[in-house]
């Protein structure tokens, strides 16, 4: 139901903890296995709903990044420099741009960004390095 073995194991643990907590609510009107199955299904469905809400929330913030003015990226008030940086950021590949803005502009950690984008923290670090190298190359031309 979740498509990920590690996540399924975590949810299985959650089901048994929930079953222990709610054992007093079992009325015996159905088989215990039926009650436990329904509890498991509810835990998974709640997890899916929570994950969907979390993903929608992060997707909205990622879409907002595309229209971000990058005002807080400007390192100095040298005329033209901030415009060049804005243009350089706009030319980054989408993945590198998202990671750069989330990390260097908005201050998220690699782990948080990884969760938001569904990548590992190592993949996030690689994208950030790529973004910085591309920006450096564009700004030193």
Protein backbone atom coordinates (compact mmCIF):
# COMPACT_ATOMS: atom_id res chain seq x y z
CA UNK A 1 0.00 0.00 0.00
CA UNK A 2 2.95 2.39 0.46
CA UNK A 3 5.38 1.08 -2.16
CA UNK A 4 8.46 1.41 0.08
CA UNK A 5 9.65 -1.46 2.26
CA UNK A 6 11.26 0.73 4.92
CA UNK A 7 8.18 2.95 5.16
CA UNK A 8 5.94 -0.14 5.32
CA UNK A 9 7.98 -1.45 8.25
CA UNK A 10 7.66 1.88 10.07
CA UNK A 11 3.92 1.95 9.49
CA UNK A 12 3.62 -1.65 10.69
CA UNK A 13 5.23 -0.60 13.95
CA UNK A 14 2.83 2.33 14.12
CA UNK A 15 -0.11 -0.03 13.61
CA UNK A 16 0.91 -2.24 16.52
CA UNK A 17 1.53 0.73 18.79
CA UNK A 18 -1.89 2.10 17.83
CA UNK A 19 -3.46 -1.34 18.37
CA UNK A 20 -1.94 -1.50 21.85
CA UNK A 21 -3.22 1.99 22.67
CA UNK A 22 -6.72 1.29 21.32
CA UNK A 23 -7.06 -2.29 22.56
CA UNK A 24 -9.62 -1.20 25.14
CA UNK A 25 -11.83 0.05 22.29
CA UNK A 26 -12.01 -3.42 20.71
CA UNK A 27 -15.60 -4.49 21.43
CA UNK A 28 -15.42 -8.04 20.07
CA UNK A 29 -18.20 -7.45 17.55
CA UNK A 30 -15.89 -8.68 14.79
CA UNK A 31 -12.84 -10.91 14.59
CA UNK A 32 -9.69 -9.42 16.09
CA UNK A 33 -7.92 -9.84 12.74
CA UNK A 34 -10.62 -7.81 11.00
CA UNK A 35 -10.33 -5.03 13.59
CA UNK A 36 -6.52 -5.04 13.29
CA UNK A 37 -6.72 -4.98 9.47
CA UNK A 38 -9.06 -1.98 9.53
CA UNK A 39 -6.72 -0.23 11.97
CA UNK A 40 -3.77 -0.90 9.64
CA UNK A 41 -5.66 0.41 6.61
CA UNK A 42 -6.62 3.56 8.53
CA UNK A 43 -3.00 4.17 9.58
CA UNK A 44 -1.80 3.85 5.97
CA UNK A 45 -4.59 6.06 4.61
CA UNK A 46 -3.86 8.72 7.24
CA UNK A 47 -0.18 8.58 6.32
CA UNK A 48 -0.98 8.99 2.63
CA UNK A 49 -3.22 11.96 3.36
CA UNK A 50 -0.56 13.57 5.56
CA UNK A 51 2.09 12.99 2.90
CA UNK A 52 -0.18 14.44 0.20
CA UNK A 53 -0.79 17.56 2.27
CA UNK A 54 2.94 17.90 2.97
CA UNK A 55 3.79 17.46 -0.72
CA UNK A 56 1.12 19.97 -1.81
CA UNK A 57 2.42 22.49 0.70
CA UNK A 58 5.99 22.08 -0.53
CA UNK A 59 4.94 22.10 -4.18
CA UNK A 60 3.26 25.44 -3.57
CA UNK A 61 6.39 26.87 -1.98
CA UNK A 62 8.53 25.50 -4.83
CA UNK A 63 6.23 27.13 -7.40
CA UNK A 64 6.56 30.40 -5.51
CA UNK A 65 10.35 30.15 -5.87
CA UNK A 66 10.03 30.50 -9.62
CA UNK A 67 8.52 33.93 -9.13
CA UNK A 68 10.91 34.84 -6.32
CA UNK A 69 12.48 38.26 -6.78
CA UNK A 70 15.74 37.08 -5.13
CA UNK A 71 15.88 40.38 -3.25
CA UNK A 72 17.62 38.81 -0.26
CA UNK A 73 20.25 37.20 -2.52
CA UNK A 74 21.86 40.53 -3.40
CA UNK A 75 25.30 40.59 -1.77
CA UNK A 76 26.06 44.23 -2.47
CA UNK A 77 24.43 47.32 -3.86
CA UNK A 78 26.78 47.50 -6.85
CA UNK A 79 24.62 48.55 -9.81
CA UNK A 80 24.09 45.69 -12.23
CA UNK A 81 25.53 43.00 -9.98
CA UNK A 82 22.23 41.95 -8.44
CA UNK A 83 20.56 41.88 -11.85
CA UNK A 84 23.32 39.62 -13.16
CA UNK A 85 22.85 37.30 -10.18
CA UNK A 86 19.09 37.21 -10.73
CA UNK A 87 19.60 36.35 -14.40
CA UNK A 88 22.20 33.73 -13.53
CA UNK A 89 19.88 32.07 -11.01
CA UNK A 90 17.05 32.11 -13.54
CA UNK A 91 19.20 30.16 -16.03
CA UNK A 92 19.97 27.31 -13.62
CA UNK A 93 18.46 23.90 -14.36
CA UNK A 94 15.21 23.46 -12.39
CA UNK A 95 16.58 20.99 -9.82
CA UNK A 96 19.71 22.99 -9.14
CA UNK A 97 17.71 26.22 -8.92
CA UNK A 98 15.24 24.77 -6.42
CA UNK A 99 18.00 23.42 -4.19
CA UNK A 100 20.02 26.65 -4.42
CA UNK A 101 17.06 28.84 -3.48
CA UNK A 102 15.88 26.52 -0.69
CA UNK A 103 19.37 26.22 0.84
CA UNK A 104 21.23 29.44 0.17
CA UNK A 105 18.29 31.85 0.08
CA UNK A 106 15.68 30.35 2.39
CA UNK A 107 18.07 28.55 4.75
CA UNK A 108 16.68 25.00 4.70
CA UNK A 109 19.02 22.12 5.61
CA UNK A 110 19.98 19.44 3.09
CA UNK A 111 17.82 16.92 4.94
CA UNK A 112 14.76 19.20 4.84
CA UNK A 113 15.27 19.90 1.15
CA UNK A 114 15.68 16.20 0.48
CA UNK A 115 12.35 15.49 2.14
CA UNK A 116 10.64 18.30 0.22
CA UNK A 117 11.94 17.24 -3.16
CA UNK A 118 12.04 13.50 -2.59
CA UNK A 119 15.81 13.15 -2.98
CA UNK A 120 18.62 12.14 -0.66
CA UNK A 121 20.60 14.76 1.23
CA UNK A 122 23.61 13.69 -0.86
CA UNK A 123 21.68 14.38 -4.05
CA UNK A 124 20.72 17.75 -2.60
CA UNK A 125 24.37 18.56 -1.85
CA UNK A 126 25.35 17.55 -5.38
CA UNK A 127 22.67 19.81 -6.89
CA UNK A 128 23.76 22.70 -4.68
CA UNK A 129 27.39 22.23 -5.71
CA UNK A 130 26.30 22.12 -9.36
CA UNK A 131 24.24 25.29 -8.95
CA UNK A 132 27.12 27.16 -7.30
CA UNK A 133 29.59 26.09 -9.99
CA UNK A 134 27.22 27.16 -12.76
CA UNK A 135 26.60 30.51 -11.06
CA UNK A 136 30.29 31.08 -10.53
CA UNK A 137 31.01 30.33 -14.19
CA UNK A 138 28.28 32.70 -15.38
CA UNK A 139 29.20 35.54 -13.03
CA UNK A 140 32.95 35.42 -13.80
CA UNK A 141 32.54 35.60 -17.57
